[in-house]
Protein backbone atom coordinates (compact mmCIF):
# COMPACT_ATOMS: atom_id res chain seq x y z
CA MET A 1 -0.13 -0.07 0.23
CA LEU A 2 2.85 2.77 0.76
CA LYS A 3 4.59 1.35 -2.30
CA LYS A 4 1.42 2.49 -4.22
CA VAL A 5 1.27 5.79 -2.68
CA ILE A 6 4.57 6.89 -3.04
CA GLN A 7 4.11 5.91 -6.48
CA TYR A 8 1.15 8.07 -7.19
CA LEU A 9 3.36 10.95 -5.30
CA VAL A 10 5.74 10.70 -7.17
CA ILE A 11 3.61 10.78 -10.51
CA ILE A 12 1.56 13.45 -9.19
CA ILE A 13 4.67 15.69 -8.44
CA ILE A 14 6.32 15.31 -11.89
CA GLY A 15 3.13 15.96 -13.51
CA GLY A 16 2.58 19.17 -11.22
CA GLY A 17 6.50 20.54 -11.83
CA PHE A 18 5.72 19.95 -15.51
CA MET A 19 2.11 21.81 -15.60
CA PHE A 20 3.87 24.72 -13.28
CA TYR A 21 6.74 25.54 -15.76
CA VAL A 22 4.20 25.52 -18.57
CA PHE A 23 1.78 27.78 -17.14
CA LYS A 24 3.95 29.46 -14.49
CA ASP A 25 4.40 32.51 -16.92
CA GLN A 26 1.49 32.12 -18.98
CA ASN A 27 -1.00 35.37 -19.59
CA TRP A 28 -4.19 33.48 -18.74
CA ASN A 29 -6.60 35.78 -20.96
CA GLU A 30 -4.86 35.30 -23.60
CA LEU A 31 -4.50 32.04 -23.36
CA TRP A 32 -8.63 31.58 -23.17
CA GLU A 33 -9.30 33.76 -25.98
CA LYS A 34 -6.72 31.64 -28.38
CA ILE A 35 -8.75 28.69 -27.25
CA ALA A 36 -12.24 30.27 -27.63
CA THR A 37 -11.29 31.18 -30.80
CA ALA A 38 -10.62 28.00 -31.98
CA ASN A 39 -11.76 26.36 -35.70
CA LEU A 40 -14.50 23.72 -33.71
CA TRP A 41 -14.63 22.04 -36.96
CA TRP A 42 -10.83 21.02 -37.71
CA LEU A 43 -11.38 20.63 -33.92
CA SER A 44 -13.91 18.38 -34.39
CA LEU A 45 -12.71 16.15 -37.17
CA GLY A 46 -9.44 15.45 -35.08
CA LEU A 47 -11.78 14.30 -32.38
CA LEU A 48 -14.04 12.38 -34.49
CA ILE A 49 -10.65 10.48 -35.65
CA SER A 50 -9.41 9.91 -32.23
CA VAL A 51 -12.82 8.40 -30.68
CA PHE A 52 -12.59 5.81 -34.81
CA SER A 53 -8.90 5.05 -33.52
CA HIS A 54 -10.16 4.05 -29.89
CA TRP A 55 -12.91 1.73 -31.74
CA LEU A 56 -9.72 0.19 -33.78
CA ARG A 57 -8.05 -0.59 -30.87
CA ALA A 58 -11.25 -2.12 -29.22
CA TYR A 59 -11.67 -4.40 -32.21
CA ARG A 60 -8.28 -5.11 -32.50
CA ALA A 61 -8.42 -6.11 -28.91
CA VAL A 62 -11.32 -8.30 -30.17
CA LEU A 63 -8.90 -10.25 -31.76
CA MET A 64 -6.61 -11.26 -29.41
CA TYR A 65 -9.76 -12.48 -27.17
CA ASP A 66 -10.78 -14.67 -30.19
CA ALA A 67 -7.17 -16.07 -30.20
CA MET A 68 -7.96 -17.15 -26.25
CA ASP A 69 -11.57 -18.57 -27.36
CA TYR A 70 -13.35 -15.70 -25.98
CA LYS A 71 -16.29 -14.36 -28.08
CA ILE A 72 -16.42 -10.38 -26.92
CA LYS A 73 -18.33 -8.22 -28.59
CA THR A 74 -16.69 -5.43 -30.25
CA SER A 75 -19.21 -3.04 -28.74
CA HIS A 76 -18.38 -4.22 -25.36
CA SER A 77 -14.74 -4.02 -25.90
CA PHE A 78 -15.04 -0.33 -27.21
CA TYR A 79 -17.11 0.60 -24.10
CA ALA A 80 -14.30 -1.07 -22.03
CA VAL A 81 -11.65 0.94 -23.64
CA LEU A 82 -13.34 4.47 -23.29
CA ILE A 83 -13.70 3.42 -19.68
CA GLY A 84 -10.21 2.70 -19.70
CA TYR A 85 -9.18 6.00 -20.90
CA MET A 86 -11.76 7.96 -18.68
CA MET A 87 -10.04 6.35 -15.45
CA ASN A 88 -6.68 7.56 -16.94
CA TYR A 89 -8.06 11.26 -16.12
CA PHE A 90 -8.76 10.36 -12.46
CA ILE A 91 -6.20 7.94 -11.69
CA PRO A 92 -3.04 7.30 -13.31
CA ARG A 93 -2.44 3.97 -15.23
CA ALA A 94 -5.66 2.55 -13.59
CA GLY A 95 -6.84 2.20 -16.95
CA GLU A 96 -5.89 -1.03 -18.39
CA VAL A 97 -7.75 -2.22 -14.57
CA ALA A 98 -10.92 -0.44 -15.40
CA ARG A 99 -11.00 -2.08 -19.03
CA CYS A 100 -10.42 -5.33 -17.88
CA ALA A 101 -12.71 -5.19 -14.69
CA SER A 102 -15.18 -3.89 -17.24
CA LEU A 103 -15.19 -6.80 -19.31
CA ASN A 104 -15.21 -9.03 -16.90
CA LYS A 105 -18.63 -8.00 -15.70
CA SER A 106 -20.00 -7.41 -19.20
CA ASP A 107 -18.54 -11.08 -20.88
CA ASN A 108 -17.28 -12.65 -18.12
CA LEU A 109 -13.76 -12.17 -19.32
CA PRO A 110 -11.04 -13.42 -16.79
CA ILE A 111 -9.31 -10.40 -15.40
CA GLU A 112 -5.83 -12.11 -16.11
CA LYS A 113 -6.46 -13.05 -19.47
CA SER A 114 -7.50 -9.18 -20.63
CA LEU A 115 -4.67 -8.30 -18.23
CA GLY A 116 -2.59 -10.25 -20.69
CA SER A 117 -3.57 -9.19 -23.73
CA VAL A 118 -3.19 -5.29 -22.65
CA VAL A 119 0.13 -6.21 -22.25
CA THR A 120 0.67 -7.62 -25.55
CA GLU A 121 -1.21 -4.87 -27.39
CA ARG A 122 0.85 -2.11 -25.27
CA ILE A 123 3.96 -3.99 -26.57
CA PHE A 124 3.41 -3.61 -30.33
CA ASP A 125 2.19 0.23 -29.53
CA LEU A 126 5.71 0.95 -27.88
CA ILE A 127 7.28 -0.88 -31.07
CA ILE A 128 5.36 1.57 -33.87
CA MET A 129 6.06 4.54 -31.41
CA LEU A 130 10.03 4.07 -31.61
CA PHE A 131 9.80 2.82 -35.52
CA LEU A 132 7.80 6.47 -35.41
CA LEU A 133 10.62 8.22 -33.07
CA GLY A 134 13.41 6.67 -35.45
CA LEU A 135 11.94 7.75 -38.78
CA VAL A 136 11.25 11.24 -37.26
CA PHE A 137 14.81 11.43 -36.01
CA LEU A 138 16.50 10.60 -39.17
CA ILE A 139 13.67 13.05 -41.20
CA GLN A 140 14.13 15.65 -39.14
CA PHE A 141 17.61 15.27 -37.34
CA ASN A 142 18.46 18.87 -37.13
CA LEU A 143 15.51 19.62 -35.88
CA ILE A 144 15.22 16.91 -33.05
CA TRP A 145 19.15 18.10 -31.88
CA ASN A 146 17.88 21.51 -31.63
CA PHE A 147 15.15 20.29 -29.71
CA ILE A 148 17.19 18.10 -27.29
CA GLN A 149 19.53 20.77 -26.59
CA ASN A 150 17.25 23.56 -25.85
CA ALA A 151 14.99 20.81 -23.50
CA PHE A 152 17.93 19.25 -21.22
CA SER A 153 20.84 21.68 -21.90
CA ASN A 154 21.65 23.66 -19.26
CA ASN A 155 23.11 26.48 -21.05
CA VAL A 156 21.86 26.70 -24.67
CA ASN A 157 23.52 29.57 -26.08
CA GLN A 158 26.86 27.58 -25.17
CA SER A 159 30.07 29.07 -26.04
CA SER A 160 32.31 28.45 -28.67
CA ASN A 161 34.84 27.00 -25.87
CA ALA A 162 32.08 24.78 -24.11
CA LEU A 163 32.53 20.99 -24.95
CA PRO A 164 29.51 20.47 -27.00
CA ILE A 165 26.53 18.28 -25.40
CA LYS A 166 26.72 15.90 -28.32
CA TRP A 167 30.48 14.76 -27.12
CA ILE A 168 29.24 14.62 -23.50
CA LEU A 169 26.72 11.88 -24.39
CA LEU A 170 28.80 10.05 -26.31
CA THR A 171 31.59 10.21 -24.08
CA PHE A 172 29.20 9.03 -21.29
CA ILE A 173 27.82 6.34 -23.88
CA VAL A 174 31.47 4.85 -24.49
CA VAL A 175 32.60 4.74 -21.11
CA PHE A 176 29.22 2.92 -19.89
CA VAL A 177 29.84 0.26 -22.61
CA ILE A 178 33.65 0.13 -21.01
CA VAL A 179 32.16 -0.41 -17.33
CA ALA A 180 29.71 -2.62 -18.27
CA PHE A 181 32.29 -5.05 -20.17
CA LEU A 182 34.46 -5.47 -17.40
CA PHE A 183 32.26 -5.92 -14.70
CA ARG A 184 29.84 -7.28 -16.31
CA ASN A 185 30.15 -10.83 -14.13
CA LYS A 186 29.25 -8.70 -11.31
CA ILE A 187 26.27 -7.31 -13.17
CA LYS A 188 24.75 -10.72 -14.04
CA SER A 189 24.10 -11.30 -10.53
CA LEU A 190 22.68 -8.56 -9.53
CA PRO A 191 19.08 -8.74 -8.59
CA ILE A 192 18.01 -5.93 -11.48
CA PHE A 193 19.55 -7.61 -14.36
CA ASN A 194 17.81 -10.57 -13.45
CA LYS A 195 14.71 -8.71 -13.43
CA PHE A 196 15.57 -6.51 -16.87
CA LEU A 197 16.01 -10.14 -18.28
CA SER A 198 12.49 -11.12 -16.89
CA VAL A 199 10.97 -8.20 -18.40
CA LEU A 200 12.77 -8.50 -21.60
CA LYS A 201 11.32 -12.30 -21.72
CA GLY A 202 7.85 -10.96 -21.38
CA PHE A 203 8.27 -8.36 -24.05
CA THR A 204 9.38 -11.71 -26.62
CA ASP A 205 6.50 -13.95 -25.01
CA GLY A 206 4.33 -10.89 -26.17
CA LEU A 207 5.65 -10.32 -29.37
CA LEU A 208 5.75 -14.07 -29.99
CA SER A 209 1.96 -14.23 -29.21
CA ILE A 210 0.84 -12.80 -32.04
CA LYS A 211 1.13 -16.22 -33.90
CA LYS A 212 -2.01 -16.84 -31.48
CA VAL A 213 -4.14 -14.67 -33.50
CA LYS A 214 -6.03 -16.07 -36.24
CA LYS A 215 -5.84 -13.08 -38.02
CA PRO A 216 -2.00 -11.74 -37.90
CA PHE A 217 -2.10 -9.56 -40.88
CA LEU A 218 -5.48 -7.69 -39.46
CA PHE A 219 -4.11 -7.22 -36.15
CA LEU A 220 -0.58 -5.52 -37.39
CA PHE A 221 -2.87 -3.60 -40.16
CA LEU A 222 -5.08 -2.11 -37.24
CA SER A 223 -1.99 -1.77 -35.36
CA ILE A 224 -0.38 0.86 -37.70
CA SER A 225 -3.86 2.58 -38.49
CA ILE A 226 -4.52 3.36 -34.46
CA TRP A 227 -0.84 5.12 -35.08
CA PHE A 228 -1.65 6.92 -38.48
CA CYS A 229 -4.96 8.02 -36.71
CA TYR A 230 -3.53 9.35 -33.90
CA ILE A 231 -1.03 11.41 -36.39
CA LEU A 232 -4.31 12.51 -38.41
CA MET A 233 -5.85 13.68 -35.37
CA MET A 234 -2.92 16.28 -34.64
CA TYR A 235 -2.53 17.10 -38.40
CA PHE A 236 -6.36 18.45 -38.39
CA CYS A 237 -6.36 19.91 -35.23
CA PHE A 238 -3.52 22.24 -36.72
CA PHE A 239 -6.38 23.54 -38.57
CA SER A 240 -8.13 24.63 -35.42
CA LEU A 241 -5.68 27.70 -34.32
CA HIS A 242 -3.98 30.34 -36.72
CA SER A 243 -0.50 30.16 -34.63
CA THR A 244 -0.38 26.22 -36.34
CA GLU A 245 -2.59 26.06 -39.52
CA ASN A 246 0.49 26.65 -41.87
CA LEU A 247 2.13 23.58 -40.57
CA ASN A 248 2.96 20.79 -43.12
CA PHE A 249 2.49 17.39 -42.38
CA ALA A 250 6.23 16.72 -41.86
CA ALA A 251 5.80 19.11 -38.93
CA CYS A 252 3.04 17.32 -37.71
CA LEU A 253 5.07 13.89 -37.62
CA THR A 254 7.49 15.69 -35.64
CA VAL A 255 5.56 17.47 -32.90
CA PHE A 256 3.09 13.73 -32.87
CA ALA A 257 6.68 12.10 -31.96
CA ILE A 258 8.04 14.61 -29.48
CA GLY A 259 4.55 14.82 -27.81
CA THR A 260 4.11 10.81 -26.97
CA ILE A 261 7.06 11.20 -25.27
CA GLY A 262 5.06 13.66 -22.90
CA VAL A 263 1.90 11.29 -22.96
CA ALA A 264 4.36 8.30 -21.88
CA LEU A 265 6.16 9.83 -19.00
CA PRO A 266 4.27 9.57 -15.47
CA ALA A 267 1.99 12.24 -15.02
CA PRO A 268 -1.79 12.30 -13.55
CA GLY A 269 -4.84 13.38 -16.05
CA ALA A 270 -3.08 11.08 -19.13
CA GLY A 271 -0.11 13.42 -19.68
CA ALA A 272 -1.43 17.13 -18.06
CA GLY A 273 1.63 19.11 -17.84
CA THR A 274 4.18 16.78 -19.59
CA PHE A 275 2.32 17.00 -22.78
CA HIS A 276 1.64 20.50 -22.48
CA TYR A 277 5.37 20.84 -21.81
CA PHE A 278 6.48 18.71 -25.28
CA ILE A 279 4.27 20.00 -27.40
CA SER A 280 5.15 23.84 -26.81
CA GLN A 281 8.58 23.02 -27.10
CA SER A 282 8.51 20.67 -30.49
CA LEU A 283 6.20 23.34 -31.85
CA LEU A 284 9.04 26.03 -31.51
CA LEU A 285 11.32 24.48 -33.80
CA PHE A 286 8.45 25.81 -36.25
CA GLY A 287 8.42 29.07 -35.77
CA VAL A 288 5.21 28.70 -32.99
CA SER A 289 5.59 31.04 -29.73
CA ILE A 290 5.56 28.84 -26.45
CA ALA A 291 2.41 30.55 -25.58
CA ASP A 292 0.78 29.52 -28.59
CA GLY A 293 2.51 26.34 -28.55
CA VAL A 294 0.56 25.95 -25.02
CA ALA A 295 -2.75 26.96 -25.90
CA TYR A 296 -2.61 24.34 -29.23
CA ALA A 297 -1.23 21.57 -26.41
CA THR A 298 -4.10 22.89 -23.72
CA LEU A 299 -7.04 22.90 -26.43
CA ILE A 300 -6.15 19.52 -27.56
CA HIS A 301 -5.59 17.90 -24.15
CA GLY A 302 -8.64 19.78 -22.92
CA ALA A 303 -10.96 18.56 -26.06
CA GLN A 304 -9.60 15.33 -25.45
CA MET A 305 -10.34 15.26 -21.72
CA ILE A 306 -13.73 16.42 -21.87
CA VAL A 307 -14.97 13.90 -25.03
CA LEU A 308 -13.19 10.96 -23.36
CA ILE A 309 -14.70 11.31 -20.03
CA LEU A 310 -18.34 11.97 -21.66
CA LEU A 311 -17.68 8.94 -23.31
CA GLY A 312 -16.73 7.02 -20.80
CA LEU A 313 -19.41 8.16 -18.17
CA ILE A 314 -22.12 7.13 -21.44
CA SER A 315 -20.27 3.64 -21.87
CA SER A 316 -20.67 3.07 -18.16
CA LEU A 317 -24.03 3.65 -17.74
CA ILE A 318 -24.70 1.51 -21.27
CA LEU A 319 -23.01 -1.10 -19.45
CA PHE A 320 -24.69 -0.71 -16.41
CA ILE A 321 -28.12 -0.91 -17.62
CA LYS A 322 -27.11 -3.61 -19.74
CA ASN A 323 -25.59 -6.00 -16.89
CA LYS A 324 -28.68 -4.36 -14.27
């Protein structure tokens, strides 16, 4: 219990720290004015695509359940996904458990079975996310490197005599590899190393579990389509604000890839604070001011939060009525 409390406190502190940093110098009247004048048509289109991606995720999950010989309705899976997203806004990382509990109530799907499928889904999502990050890093190498320097360097305007950060990182990597090689036998005996091997084995088992899916190519297609919808959502939402309406699809890929890091970091409210920081910082690379970047991130995050909480409540009500 104490461990869980500490974990939640750390998550709240991380998110709260990012929220404070992002909004401490913002003019709230200007921020609200920018959001209030947003083009709702483009915003609605982006949100509609986002909801469709959640349906794709629900349908992909049905393929996993079918591989375990459980016949789950796509509609029930969709309700469970929406309930999971809703819960993430209230309790960090609680969405997966809520999603599995929902299916347990509606279709008697054992929670341990559905949790196993969620882990497999997350593994494939991680692979696609890493692929996107690598692709964007290759396409926009200079821009990404500038972002890393601006975001993590203590002194962005380094003098010509200062040691470039890339050489510091390279030196650190080389030293780390040498030390790891010299003390490899001691490292292998460490509990944390065995834990890492256990996680790696679970990761591999999760990848191999796709062989059990009756339609593996459809599973892969849905996995790619989900992330493509995420990107499209962000791209169409660009047109909702004057400050971002002129950005192209390549810029969207870069902003999306960097923003995904913010969502992946532990923070309450499904990335509140971390998402705002990484999105606003990445938009700086394309000439969008911090104030406009924060407005865009706040608009997207806030709109999705409202929609997903409403849809989650509706889904809960539907399943409650169905289950009496």
